[in-house]
PDB file of N, CA and C in Angstrom:
ATOM      1  N   ALA A   1      90.182 -26.640 -56.365  1.00  0.00           N
ATOM      2  CA  ALA A   1      89.075 -25.910 -56.946  1.00  0.00           C
ATOM      3  C   ALA A   1      89.514 -24.479 -57.198  1.00  0.00           C
ATOM      4  N   VAL A   2      89.047 -23.938 -58.268  1.00  0.00           N
ATOM      5  CA  VAL A   2      89.393 -22.576 -58.652  1.00  0.00           C
ATOM      6  C   VAL A   2      88.207 -21.682 -58.329  1.00  0.00           C
ATOM      7  N   LEU A   3      88.505 -20.572 -57.686  1.00  0.00           N
ATOM      8  CA  LEU A   3      87.472 -19.608 -57.350  1.00  0.00           C
ATOM      9  C   LEU A   3      87.424 -18.557 -58.454  1.00  0.00           C
ATOM     10  N   ILE A   4      86.310 -18.535 -59.163  1.00  0.00           N
ATOM     11  CA  ILE A   4      86.153 -17.562 -60.234  1.00  0.00           C
ATOM     12  C   ILE A   4      85.142 -16.530 -59.764  1.00  0.00           C
ATOM     13  N   GLY A   5      85.583 -15.301 -59.649  1.00  0.00           N
ATOM     14  CA  GLY A   5      84.701 -14.247 -59.184  1.00  0.00           C
ATOM     15  C   GLY A   5      84.756 -14.131 -57.671  1.00  0.00           C
ATOM     16  N   ALA A   6      84.078 -13.130 -57.175  1.00  0.00           N
ATOM     17  CA  ALA A   6      84.052 -12.886 -55.730  1.00  0.00           C
ATOM     18  C   ALA A   6      83.035 -13.814 -55.060  1.00  0.00           C
ATOM     19  N   PRO A   7      83.399 -14.406 -53.936  1.00  0.00           N
ATOM     20  CA  PRO A   7      82.438 -15.267 -53.237  1.00  0.00           C
ATOM     21  C   PRO A   7      81.350 -14.425 -52.578  1.00  0.00           C
ATOM     22  N   GLU A   8      80.221 -15.053 -52.358  1.00  0.00           N
ATOM     23  CA  GLU A   8      79.124 -14.372 -51.679  1.00  0.00           C
ATOM     24  C   GLU A   8      79.508 -14.151 -50.221  1.00  0.00           C
ATOM     25  N   VAL A   9      79.034 -13.062 -49.654  1.00  0.00           N
ATOM     26  CA  VAL A   9      79.392 -12.696 -48.285  1.00  0.00           C
ATOM     27  C   VAL A   9      78.776 -13.663 -47.275  1.00  0.00           C
ATOM     28  N   GLY A  10      77.548 -14.087 -47.491  1.00  0.00           N
ATOM     29  CA  GLY A  10      76.846 -14.956 -46.545  1.00  0.00           C
ATOM     30  C   GLY A  10      77.592 -16.248 -46.237  1.00  0.00           C
ATOM     31  N   PRO A  11      77.949 -17.032 -47.250  1.00  0.00           N
ATOM     32  CA  PRO A  11      78.687 -18.266 -46.976  1.00  0.00           C
ATOM     33  C   PRO A  11      80.052 -18.038 -46.338  1.00  0.00           C
ATOM     34  N   VAL A  12      80.705 -16.938 -46.688  1.00  0.00           N
ATOM     35  CA  VAL A  12      82.019 -16.651 -46.100  1.00  0.00           C
ATOM     36  C   VAL A  12      81.874 -16.370 -44.608  1.00  0.00           C
ATOM     37  N   VAL A  13      80.908 -15.531 -44.254  1.00  0.00           N
ATOM     38  CA  VAL A  13      80.689 -15.200 -42.843  1.00  0.00           C
ATOM     39  C   VAL A  13      80.222 -16.425 -42.065  1.00  0.00           C
ATOM     40  N   ALA A  14      79.276 -17.167 -42.625  1.00  0.00           N
ATOM     41  CA  ALA A  14      78.787 -18.369 -41.941  1.00  0.00           C
ATOM     42  C   ALA A  14      79.916 -19.383 -41.761  1.00  0.00           C
ATOM     43  N   GLY A  15      80.731 -19.564 -42.780  1.00  0.00           N
ATOM     44  CA  GLY A  15      81.860 -20.484 -42.674  1.00  0.00           C
ATOM     45  C   GLY A  15      82.840 -20.058 -41.604  1.00  0.00           C
ATOM     46  N   ALA A  16      83.091 -18.759 -41.513  1.00  0.00           N
ATOM     47  CA  ALA A  16      84.001 -18.255 -40.479  1.00  0.00           C
ATOM     48  C   ALA A  16      83.431 -18.478 -39.091  1.00  0.00           C
ATOM     49  N   VAL A  17      82.135 -18.280 -38.930  1.00  0.00           N
ATOM     50  CA  VAL A  17      81.498 -18.489 -37.621  1.00  0.00           C
ATOM     51  C   VAL A  17      81.561 -19.967 -37.235  1.00  0.00           C
ATOM     52  N   PHE A  18      81.225 -20.857 -38.156  1.00  0.00           N
ATOM     53  CA  PHE A  18      81.253 -22.292 -37.850  1.00  0.00           C
ATOM     54  C   PHE A  18      82.678 -22.771 -37.580  1.00  0.00           C
ATOM     55  N   SER A  19      83.630 -22.263 -38.331  1.00  0.00           N
ATOM     56  CA  SER A  19      85.023 -22.629 -38.114  1.00  0.00           C
ATOM     57  C   SER A  19      85.506 -22.147 -36.743  1.00  0.00           C
ATOM     58  N   ALA A  20      85.159 -20.927 -36.385  1.00  0.00           N
ATOM     59  CA  ALA A  20      85.534 -20.388 -35.072  1.00  0.00           C
ATOM     60  C   ALA A  20      84.890 -21.186 -33.953  1.00  0.00           C
ATOM     61  N   LEU A  21      83.645 -21.600 -34.151  1.00  0.00           N
ATOM     62  CA  LEU A  21      82.955 -22.408 -33.146  1.00  0.00           C
ATOM     63  C   LEU A  21      83.671 -23.739 -32.939  1.00  0.00           C
ATOM     64  N   PHE A  22      84.127 -24.353 -34.031  1.00  0.00           N
ATOM     65  CA  PHE A  22      84.880 -25.598 -33.899  1.00  0.00           C
ATOM     66  C   PHE A  22      86.201 -25.382 -33.168  1.00  0.00           C
ATOM     67  N   LEU A  23      86.873 -24.287 -33.465  1.00  0.00           N
ATOM     68  CA  LEU A  23      88.145 -24.007 -32.792  1.00  0.00           C
ATOM     69  C   LEU A  23      87.948 -23.748 -31.296  1.00  0.00           C
ATOM     70  N   VAL A  24      86.879 -23.073 -30.939  1.00  0.00           N
ATOM     71  CA  VAL A  24      86.588 -22.860 -29.509  1.00  0.00           C
ATOM     72  C   VAL A  24      86.295 -24.201 -28.836  1.00  0.00           C
ATOM     73  N   PHE A  25      85.593 -25.091 -29.536  1.00  0.00           N
ATOM     74  CA  PHE A  25      85.348 -26.435 -29.003  1.00  0.00           C
ATOM     75  C   PHE A  25      86.665 -27.172 -28.783  1.00  0.00           C
ATOM     76  N   ALA A  26      87.576 -27.090 -29.755  1.00  0.00           N
ATOM     77  CA  ALA A  26      88.867 -27.768 -29.620  1.00  0.00           C
ATOM     78  C   ALA A  26      89.644 -27.222 -28.424  1.00  0.00           C
ATOM     79  N   VAL A  27      89.595 -25.925 -28.217  1.00  0.00           N
ATOM     80  CA  VAL A  27      90.255 -25.326 -27.051  1.00  0.00           C
ATOM     81  C   VAL A  27      89.603 -25.823 -25.761  1.00  0.00           C
ATOM     82  N   ALA A  28      88.286 -25.955 -25.751  1.00  0.00           N
ATOM     83  CA  ALA A  28      87.593 -26.460 -24.567  1.00  0.00           C
ATOM     84  C   ALA A  28      87.984 -27.908 -24.280  1.00  0.00           C
ATOM     85  N   VAL A  29      88.165 -28.709 -25.322  1.00  0.00           N
ATOM     86  CA  VAL A  29      88.620 -30.094 -25.130  1.00  0.00           C
ATOM     87  C   VAL A  29      90.000 -30.102 -24.488  1.00  0.00           C
ATOM     88  N   VAL A  30      90.889 -29.267 -24.984  1.00  0.00           N
ATOM     89  CA  VAL A  30      92.242 -29.201 -24.431  1.00  0.00           C
ATOM     90  C   VAL A  30      92.207 -28.684 -22.988  1.00  0.00           C
ATOM     91  N   ALA A  31      91.368 -27.695 -22.712  1.00  0.00           N
ATOM     92  CA  ALA A  31      91.271 -27.163 -21.350  1.00  0.00           C
ATOM     93  C   ALA A  31      90.771 -28.221 -20.379  1.00  0.00           C
ATOM     94  N   ALA A  32      89.755 -28.972 -20.771  1.00  0.00           N
ATOM     95  CA  ALA A  32      89.238 -30.026 -19.897  1.00  0.00           C
ATOM     96  C   ALA A  32      90.274 -31.129 -19.708  1.00  0.00           C
ATOM     97  N   ALA A  33      90.944 -31.517 -20.783  1.00  0.00           N
ATOM     98  CA  ALA A  33      91.977 -32.548 -20.669  1.00  0.00           C
ATOM     99  C   ALA A  33      93.117 -32.071 -19.784  1.00  0.00           C
ATOM    100  N   GLY A  34      93.490 -30.813 -19.928  1.00  0.00           N
ATOM    101  CA  GLY A  34      94.563 -30.262 -19.106  1.00  0.00           C
ATOM    102  C   GLY A  34      94.191 -30.186 -17.636  1.00  0.00           C
ATOM    103  N   ALA A  35      92.931 -29.920 -17.360  1.00  0.00           N
ATOM    104  CA  ALA A  35      92.492 -29.838 -15.966  1.00  0.00           C
ATOM    105  C   ALA A  35      92.433 -31.210 -15.313  1.00  0.00           C
ATOM    106  N   LEU A  36      92.159 -32.232 -16.100  1.00  0.00           N
ATOM    107  CA  LEU A  36      92.003 -33.579 -15.532  1.00  0.00           C
ATOM    108  C   LEU A  36      93.286 -34.401 -15.553  1.00  0.00           C
ATOM    109  N   ALA A  37      94.192 -34.086 -16.460  1.00  0.00           N
ATOM    110  CA  ALA A  37      95.401 -34.890 -16.607  1.00  0.00           C
ATOM    111  C   ALA A  37      96.474 -34.455 -15.613  1.00  0.00           C
ATOM    112  N   ALA A  38      97.358 -35.384 -15.323  1.00  0.00           N
ATOM    113  CA  ALA A  38      98.438 -35.107 -14.376  1.00  0.00           C
ATOM    114  C   ALA A  38      99.647 -34.470 -15.055  1.00  0.00           C
ATOM    115  N   THR A  39      99.837 -34.759 -16.349  1.00  0.00           N
ATOM    116  CA  THR A  39     100.996 -34.216 -17.055  1.00  0.00           C
ATOM    117  C   THR A  39     100.546 -33.578 -18.369  1.00  0.00           C
ATOM    118  N   THR A  40     101.437 -32.801 -18.941  1.00  0.00           N
ATOM    119  CA  THR A  40     101.150 -32.154 -20.222  1.00  0.00           C
ATOM    120  C   THR A  40     100.984 -33.184 -21.327  1.00  0.00           C
ATOM    121  N   LEU A  41     101.797 -34.215 -21.306  1.00  0.00           N
ATOM    122  CA  LEU A  41     101.707 -35.258 -22.313  1.00  0.00           C
ATOM    123  C   LEU A  41     100.356 -35.980 -22.240  1.00  0.00           C
ATOM    124  N   GLN A  42      99.893 -36.255 -21.038  1.00  0.00           N
ATOM    125  CA  GLN A  42      98.582 -36.888 -20.885  1.00  0.00           C
ATOM    126  C   GLN A  42      97.474 -35.980 -21.401  1.00  0.00           C
ATOM    127  N   ALA A  43      97.560 -34.707 -21.112  1.00  0.00           N
ATOM    128  CA  ALA A  43      96.539 -33.750 -21.566  1.00  0.00           C
ATOM    129  C   ALA A  43      96.509 -33.677 -23.085  1.00  0.00           C
ATOM    130  N   ALA A  44      97.679 -33.560 -23.702  1.00  0.00           N
ATOM    131  CA  ALA A  44      97.746 -33.483 -25.162  1.00  0.00           C
ATOM    132  C   ALA A  44      97.242 -34.773 -25.800  1.00  0.00           C
ATOM    133  N   GLY A  45      97.640 -35.899 -25.251  1.00  0.00           N
ATOM    134  CA  GLY A  45      97.203 -37.194 -25.779  1.00  0.00           C
ATOM    135  C   GLY A  45      95.706 -37.382 -25.649  1.00  0.00           C
ATOM    136  N   ALA A  46      95.158 -37.045 -24.499  1.00  0.00           N
ATOM    137  CA  ALA A  46      93.717 -37.192 -24.283  1.00  0.00           C
ATOM    138  C   ALA A  46      92.927 -36.286 -25.222  1.00  0.00           C
ATOM    139  N   ALA A  47      93.378 -35.053 -25.385  1.00  0.00           N
ATOM    140  CA  ALA A  47      92.677 -34.127 -26.282  1.00  0.00           C
ATOM    141  C   ALA A  47      92.718 -34.623 -27.725  1.00  0.00           C
ATOM    142  N   MET A  48      93.877 -35.124 -28.148  1.00  0.00           N
ATOM    143  CA  MET A  48      94.000 -35.637 -29.503  1.00  0.00           C
ATOM    144  C   MET A  48      93.114 -36.862 -29.714  1.00  0.00           C
ATOM    145  N   VAL A  49      93.074 -37.742 -28.728  1.00  0.00           N
ATOM    146  CA  VAL A  49      92.241 -38.946 -28.840  1.00  0.00           C
ATOM    147  C   VAL A  49      90.765 -38.564 -28.948  1.00  0.00           C
ATOM    148  N   VAL A  50      90.326 -37.597 -28.152  1.00  0.00           N
ATOM    149  CA  VAL A  50      88.921 -37.176 -28.193  1.00  0.00           C
ATOM    150  C   VAL A  50      88.563 -36.623 -29.567  1.00  0.00           C
ATOM    151  N   VAL A  51      89.385 -35.741 -30.103  1.00  0.00           N
ATOM    152  CA  VAL A  51      89.080 -35.134 -31.403  1.00  0.00           C
ATOM    153  C   VAL A  51      89.122 -36.180 -32.517  1.00  0.00           C
ATOM    154  N   VAL A  52      90.095 -37.080 -32.485  1.00  0.00           N
ATOM    155  CA  VAL A  52      90.183 -38.121 -33.515  1.00  0.00           C
ATOM    156  C   VAL A  52      89.008 -39.091 -33.402  1.00  0.00           C
ATOM    157  N   LEU A  53      88.648 -39.483 -32.181  1.00  0.00           N
ATOM    158  CA  LEU A  53      87.510 -40.393 -32.013  1.00  0.00           C
ATOM    159  C   LEU A  53      86.205 -39.753 -32.473  1.00  0.00           C
ATOM    160  N   LEU A  54      86.041 -38.473 -32.236  1.00  0.00           N
ATOM    161  CA  LEU A  54      84.842 -37.795 -32.737  1.00  0.00           C
ATOM    162  C   LEU A  54      84.811 -37.808 -34.260  1.00  0.00           C
ATOM    163  N   GLY A  55      85.959 -37.642 -34.888  1.00  0.00           N
ATOM    164  CA  GLY A  55      86.020 -37.705 -36.342  1.00  0.00           C
ATOM    165  C   GLY A  55      85.685 -39.080 -36.877  1.00  0.00           C
ATOM    166  N   VAL A  56      86.225 -40.104 -36.253  1.00  0.00           N
ATOM    167  CA  VAL A  56      85.937 -41.478 -36.667  1.00  0.00           C
ATOM    168  C   VAL A  56      84.470 -41.807 -36.432  1.00  0.00           C
ATOM    169  N   LEU A  57      83.952 -41.409 -35.285  1.00  0.00           N
ATOM    170  CA  LEU A  57      82.545 -41.654 -34.975  1.00  0.00           C
ATOM    171  C   LEU A  57      81.639 -40.959 -35.980  1.00  0.00           C
ATOM    172  N   GLY A  58      82.003 -39.753 -36.362  1.00  0.00           N
ATOM    173  CA  GLY A  58      81.202 -39.020 -37.339  1.00  0.00           C
ATOM    174  C   GLY A  58      81.267 -39.631 -38.723  1.00  0.00           C
ATOM    175  N   ALA A  59      82.405 -40.210 -39.083  1.00  0.00           N
ATOM    176  CA  ALA A  59      82.558 -40.801 -40.410  1.00  0.00           C
ATOM    177  C   ALA A  59      81.888 -42.166 -40.525  1.00  0.00           C
ATOM    178  N   LEU A  60      81.824 -42.894 -39.419  1.00  0.00           N
ATOM    179  CA  LEU A  60      81.321 -44.271 -39.476  1.00  0.00           C
ATOM    180  C   LEU A  60      79.870 -44.439 -39.046  1.00  0.00           C
ATOM    181  N   THR A  61      79.290 -43.419 -38.483  1.00  0.00           N
ATOM    182  CA  THR A  61      77.921 -43.539 -37.989  1.00  0.00           C
ATOM    183  C   THR A  61      77.072 -42.375 -38.507  1.00  0.00           C
ATOM    184  N   PRO A  62      75.762 -42.512 -38.395  1.00  0.00           N
ATOM    185  CA  PRO A  62      74.894 -41.405 -38.808  1.00  0.00           C
ATOM    186  C   PRO A  62      74.942 -40.208 -37.850  1.00  0.00           C
ATOM    187  N   LEU A  63      75.707 -40.310 -36.778  1.00  0.00           N
ATOM    188  CA  LEU A  63      75.809 -39.212 -35.819  1.00  0.00           C
ATOM    189  C   LEU A  63      76.623 -38.044 -36.343  1.00  0.00           C
ATOM    190  N   GLY A  64      77.267 -38.184 -37.494  1.00  0.00           N
ATOM    191  CA  GLY A  64      78.111 -37.142 -38.044  1.00  0.00           C
ATOM    192  C   GLY A  64      77.407 -35.804 -38.208  1.00  0.00           C
ATOM    193  N   THR A  65      76.112 -35.843 -38.413  1.00  0.00           N
ATOM    194  CA  THR A  65      75.338 -34.605 -38.558  1.00  0.00           C
ATOM    195  C   THR A  65      75.356 -33.778 -37.291  1.00  0.00           C
ATOM    196  N   PHE A  66      75.520 -34.448 -36.148  1.00  0.00           N
ATOM    197  CA  PHE A  66      75.426 -33.770 -34.862  1.00  0.00           C
ATOM    198  C   PHE A  66      76.773 -33.534 -34.186  1.00  0.00           C
ATOM    199  N   LEU A  67      77.852 -33.995 -34.774  1.00  0.00           N
ATOM    200  CA  LEU A  67      79.159 -33.885 -34.126  1.00  0.00           C
ATOM    201  C   LEU A  67      79.902 -32.625 -34.575  1.00  0.00           C
ATOM    202  N   PRO A  68      80.744 -32.089 -33.711  1.00  0.00           N
ATOM    203  CA  PRO A  68      81.452 -30.841 -34.018  1.00  0.00           C
ATOM    204  C   PRO A  68      82.391 -30.910 -35.218  1.00  0.00           C
ATOM    205  N   ASN A  69      82.872 -32.080 -35.573  1.00  0.00           N
ATOM    206  CA  ASN A  69      83.866 -32.178 -36.641  1.00  0.00           C
ATOM    207  C   ASN A  69      83.339 -31.697 -37.987  1.00  0.00           C
ATOM    208  N   GLY A  70      82.039 -31.770 -38.193  1.00  0.00           N
ATOM    209  CA  GLY A  70      81.462 -31.276 -39.439  1.00  0.00           C
ATOM    210  C   GLY A  70      81.643 -29.784 -39.615  1.00  0.00           C
ATOM    211  N   LEU A  71      81.824 -29.075 -38.510  1.00  0.00           N
ATOM    212  CA  LEU A  71      82.000 -27.629 -38.591  1.00  0.00           C
ATOM    213  C   LEU A  71      83.382 -27.246 -39.114  1.00  0.00           C
ATOM    214  N   ALA A  72      84.342 -28.139 -38.993  1.00  0.00           N
ATOM    215  CA  ALA A  72      85.705 -27.832 -39.440  1.00  0.00           C
ATOM    216  C   ALA A  72      85.770 -27.676 -40.953  1.00  0.00           C
ATOM    217  N   THR A  73      84.931 -28.384 -41.677  1.00  0.00           N
ATOM    218  CA  THR A  73      84.932 -28.306 -43.140  1.00  0.00           C
ATOM    219  C   THR A  73      83.830 -27.394 -43.673  1.00  0.00           C
ATOM    220  N   ALA A  74      83.135 -26.720 -42.785  1.00  0.00           N
ATOM    221  CA  ALA A  74      82.006 -25.878 -43.194  1.00  0.00           C
ATOM    222  C   ALA A  74      82.384 -24.753 -44.150  1.00  0.00           C
ATOM    223  N   PRO A  75      83.492 -24.036 -43.938  1.00  0.00           N
ATOM    224  CA  PRO A  75      83.776 -22.929 -44.864  1.00  0.00           C
ATOM    225  C   PRO A  75      83.875 -23.372 -46.327  1.00  0.00           C
ATOM    226  N   GLY A  76      84.610 -24.422 -46.571  1.00  0.00           N
ATOM    227  CA  GLY A  76      84.745 -24.902 -47.946  1.00  0.00           C
ATOM    228  C   GLY A  76      83.446 -25.434 -48.509  1.00  0.00           C
ATOM    229  N   ALA A  77      82.719 -26.183 -47.688  1.00  0.00           N
ATOM    230  CA  ALA A  77      81.458 -26.755 -48.155  1.00  0.00           C
ATOM    231  C   ALA A  77      80.432 -25.668 -48.451  1.00  0.00           C
ATOM    232  N   LEU A  78      80.406 -24.637 -47.638  1.00  0.00           N
ATOM    233  CA  LEU A  78      79.461 -23.540 -47.878  1.00  0.00           C
ATOM    234  C   LEU A  78      79.838 -22.751 -49.132  1.00  0.00           C
ATOM    235  N   LEU A  79      81.129 -22.515 -49.336  1.00  0.00           N
ATOM    236  CA  LEU A  79      81.556 -21.779 -50.527  1.00  0.00           C
ATOM    237  C   LEU A  79      81.319 -22.565 -51.808  1.00  0.00           C
ATOM    238  N   ARG A  80      81.448 -23.884 -51.740  1.00  0.00           N
ATOM    239  CA  ARG A  80      81.207 -24.724 -52.920  1.00  0.00           C
ATOM    240  C   ARG A  80      79.731 -25.055 -53.082  1.00  0.00           C
ATOM    241  N   ASP A  81      78.907 -24.548 -52.178  1.00  0.00           N
ATOM    242  CA  ASP A  81      77.458 -24.771 -52.194  1.00  0.00           C
ATOM    243  C   ASP A  81      77.119 -26.262 -52.062  1.00  0.00           C
ATOM    244  N   GLU A  82      77.948 -27.004 -51.290  1.00  0.00           N
ATOM    245  CA  GLU A  82      77.707 -28.419 -51.041  1.00  0.00           C
ATOM    246  C   GLU A  82      76.783 -28.638 -49.855  1.00  0.00           C
ATOM    247  N   THR A  83      76.637 -27.637 -49.023  1.00  0.00           N
ATOM    248  CA  THR A  83      75.770 -27.735 -47.851  1.00  0.00           C
ATOM    249  C   THR A  83      75.139 -26.378 -47.604  1.00  0.00           C
ATOM    250  N   ASP A  84      74.142 -26.397 -46.750  1.00  0.00           N
ATOM    251  CA  ASP A  84      73.438 -25.168 -46.400  1.00  0.00           C
ATOM    252  C   ASP A  84      73.659 -24.887 -44.916  1.00  0.00           C
ATOM    253  N   VAL A  85      73.497 -23.650 -44.527  1.00  0.00           N
ATOM    254  CA  VAL A  85      73.673 -23.278 -43.122  1.00  0.00           C
ATOM    255  C   VAL A  85      72.738 -24.092 -42.232  1.00  0.00           C
ATOM    256  N   ALA A  86      71.528 -24.327 -42.692  1.00  0.00           N
ATOM    257  CA  ALA A  86      70.551 -25.080 -41.899  1.00  0.00           C
ATOM    258  C   ALA A  86      71.022 -26.509 -41.621  1.00  0.00           C
ATOM    259  N   ASP A  87      71.795 -27.078 -42.553  1.00  0.00           N
ATOM    260  CA  ASP A  87      72.310 -28.435 -42.352  1.00  0.00           C
ATOM    261  C   ASP A  87      73.361 -28.492 -41.250  1.00  0.00           C
ATOM    262  N   LEU A  88      74.012 -27.368 -40.964  1.00  0.00           N
ATOM    263  CA  LEU A  88      75.079 -27.329 -39.968  1.00  0.00           C
ATOM    264  C   LEU A  88      74.583 -26.911 -38.579  1.00  0.00           C
ATOM    265  N   LEU A  89      73.350 -26.477 -38.484  1.00  0.00           N
ATOM    266  CA  LEU A  89      72.831 -26.008 -37.194  1.00  0.00           C
ATOM    267  C   LEU A  89      72.774 -27.091 -36.112  1.00  0.00           C
ATOM    268  N   PRO A  90      72.406 -28.352 -36.436  1.00  0.00           N
ATOM    269  CA  PRO A  90      72.452 -29.369 -35.378  1.00  0.00           C
ATOM    270  C   PRO A  90      73.858 -29.554 -34.801  1.00  0.00           C
ATOM    271  N   ALA A  91      74.852 -29.595 -35.658  1.00  0.00           N
ATOM    272  CA  ALA A  91      76.233 -29.730 -35.187  1.00  0.00           C
ATOM    273  C   ALA A  91      76.650 -28.509 -34.382  1.00  0.00           C
ATOM    274  N   ALA A  92      76.204 -27.331 -34.799  1.00  0.00           N
ATOM    275  CA  ALA A  92      76.548 -26.110 -34.070  1.00  0.00           C
ATOM    276  C   ALA A  92      75.907 -26.121 -32.682  1.00  0.00           C
ATOM    277  N   GLY A  93      74.668 -26.562 -32.583  1.00  0.00           N
ATOM    278  CA  GLY A  93      74.006 -26.633 -31.281  1.00  0.00           C
ATOM    279  C   GLY A  93      74.694 -27.597 -30.334  1.00  0.00           C
ATOM    280  N   VAL A  94      75.021 -28.783 -30.838  1.00  0.00           N
ATOM    281  CA  VAL A  94      75.715 -29.777 -30.015  1.00  0.00           C
ATOM    282  C   VAL A  94      77.092 -29.247 -29.620  1.00  0.00           C
ATOM    283  N   THR A  95      77.763 -28.568 -30.533  1.00  0.00           N
ATOM    284  CA  THR A  95      79.086 -28.021 -30.245  1.00  0.00           C
ATOM    285  C   THR A  95      79.022 -26.979 -29.139  1.00  0.00           C
ATOM    286  N   VAL A  96      78.021 -26.117 -29.171  1.00  0.00           N
ATOM    287  CA  VAL A  96      77.871 -25.102 -28.123  1.00  0.00           C
ATOM    288  C   VAL A  96      77.650 -25.773 -26.771  1.00  0.00           C
ATOM    289  N   VAL A  97      76.767 -26.768 -26.729  1.00  0.00           N
ATOM    290  CA  VAL A  97      76.488 -27.467 -25.464  1.00  0.00           C
ATOM    291  C   VAL A  97      77.735 -28.175 -24.951  1.00  0.00           C
ATOM    292  N   LEU A  98      78.439 -28.886 -25.829  1.00  0.00           N
ATOM    293  CA  LEU A  98      79.657 -29.588 -25.415  1.00  0.00           C
ATOM    294  C   LEU A  98      80.743 -28.619 -24.969  1.00  0.00           C
ATOM    295  N   THR A  99      80.861 -27.491 -25.656  1.00  0.00           N
ATOM    296  CA  THR A  99      81.872 -26.504 -25.289  1.00  0.00           C
ATOM    297  C   THR A  99      81.612 -25.935 -23.906  1.00  0.00           C
ATOM    298  N   VAL A 100      80.370 -25.581 -23.646  1.00  0.00           N
ATOM    299  CA  VAL A 100      80.018 -25.055 -22.313  1.00  0.00           C
ATOM    300  C   VAL A 100      80.272 -26.110 -21.243  1.00  0.00           C
ATOM    301  N   ALA A 101      79.881 -27.356 -21.510  1.00  0.00           N
ATOM    302  CA  ALA A 101      80.092 -28.431 -20.532  1.00  0.00           C
ATOM    303  C   ALA A 101      81.581 -28.678 -20.283  1.00  0.00           C
ATOM    304  N   LEU A 102      82.377 -28.679 -21.343  1.00  0.00           N
ATOM    305  CA  LEU A 102      83.815 -28.912 -21.188  1.00  0.00           C
ATOM    306  C   LEU A 102      84.493 -27.764 -20.439  1.00  0.00           C
ATOM    307  N   LEU A 103      84.089 -26.533 -20.731  1.00  0.00           N
ATOM    308  CA  LEU A 103      84.671 -25.403 -20.010  1.00  0.00           C
ATOM    309  C   LEU A 103      84.265 -25.419 -18.541  1.00  0.00           C
ATOM    310  N   TRP A 104      83.025 -25.791 -18.263  1.00  0.00           N
ATOM    311  CA  TRP A 104      82.577 -25.928 -16.872  1.00  0.00           C
ATOM    312  C   TRP A 104      83.412 -26.994 -16.165  1.00  0.00           C
ATOM    313  N   LEU A 105      83.606 -28.129 -16.830  1.00  0.00           N
ATOM    314  CA  LEU A 105      84.416 -29.203 -16.263  1.00  0.00           C
ATOM    315  C   LEU A 105      85.838 -28.740 -16.006  1.00  0.00           C
ATOM    316  N   ALA A 106      86.415 -28.014 -16.942  1.00  0.00           N
ATOM    317  CA  ALA A 106      87.785 -27.533 -16.776  1.00  0.00           C
ATOM    318  C   ALA A 106      87.901 -26.581 -15.600  1.00  0.00           C
ATOM    319  N   VAL A 107      86.960 -25.677 -15.466  1.00  0.00           N
ATOM    320  CA  VAL A 107      87.003 -24.711 -14.359  1.00  0.00           C
ATOM    321  C   VAL A 107      86.851 -25.416 -13.026  1.00  0.00           C
ATOM    322  N   HIS A 108      85.884 -26.313 -12.927  1.00  0.00           N
ATOM    323  CA  HIS A 108      85.641 -26.978 -11.641  1.00  0.00           C
ATOM    324  C   HIS A 108      86.731 -27.994 -11.291  1.00  0.00           C
ATOM    325  N   ALA A 109      87.286 -28.655 -12.283  1.00  0.00           N
ATOM    326  CA  ALA A 109      88.382 -29.589 -12.007  1.00  0.00           C
ATOM    327  C   ALA A 109      89.630 -28.836 -11.555  1.00  0.00           C
ATOM    328  N   THR A 110      89.875 -27.692 -12.165  1.00  0.00           N
ATOM    329  CA  THR A 110      91.031 -26.892 -11.768  1.00  0.00           C
ATOM    330  C   THR A 110      90.823 -26.305 -10.378  1.00  0.00           C
ATOM    331  N   ARG A 111      89.627 -25.838 -10.090  1.00  0.00           N
ATOM    332  CA  ARG A 111      89.328 -25.292  -8.780  1.00  0.00           C
ATOM    333  C   ARG A 111      89.489 -26.363  -7.698  1.00  0.00           C
ATOM    334  N   ARG A 112      89.028 -27.572  -7.981  1.00  0.00           N
ATOM    335  CA  ARG A 112      89.141 -28.669  -7.010  1.00  0.00           C
ATOM    336  C   ARG A 112      90.597 -29.037  -6.797  1.00  0.00           C
ATOM    337  N   ARG A 113      91.388 -29.008  -7.858  1.00  0.00           N
ATOM    338  CA  ARG A 113      92.810 -29.351  -7.736  1.00  0.00           C
ATOM    339  C   ARG A 113      93.550 -28.327  -6.889  1.00  0.00           C
ATOM    340  N   GLN A 114      93.172 -27.070  -6.978  1.00  0.00           N
ATOM    341  CA  GLN A 114      93.854 -26.019  -6.236  1.00  0.00           C
ATOM    342  C   GLN A 114      93.498 -26.018  -4.765  1.00  0.00           C
ATOM    343  N   LEU A 115      92.346 -26.566  -4.427  1.00  0.00           N
ATOM    344  CA  LEU A 115      91.954 -26.620  -3.016  1.00  0.00           C
ATOM    345  C   LEU A 115      92.737 -27.675  -2.341  1.00  0.00           C
TER     346      LEU A 115
END
């Protein structure tokens, strides 16, 4: 796609926020996997499986509206006016809840391992 003219500020900022939220979620998945796994390879494999399964689940079921993977494509979709910020809010809410839960799990699993 060719961008003709300057993009609107609103979609650019919203896309950046949604993209950053997805990246923080991905880091939380890796942190939780790393806290629970015995080796680095297990942690990387588990994190990759979780992210890929969420993508497949979102593509094959109506749950895609609520899964974090929709946020990864938000910047482009918002700039092309294919979606609205309001359409991404359910996924953003679920992503925030999952991120907090995964980070809590990572902290407590690591704390338990150190004891």
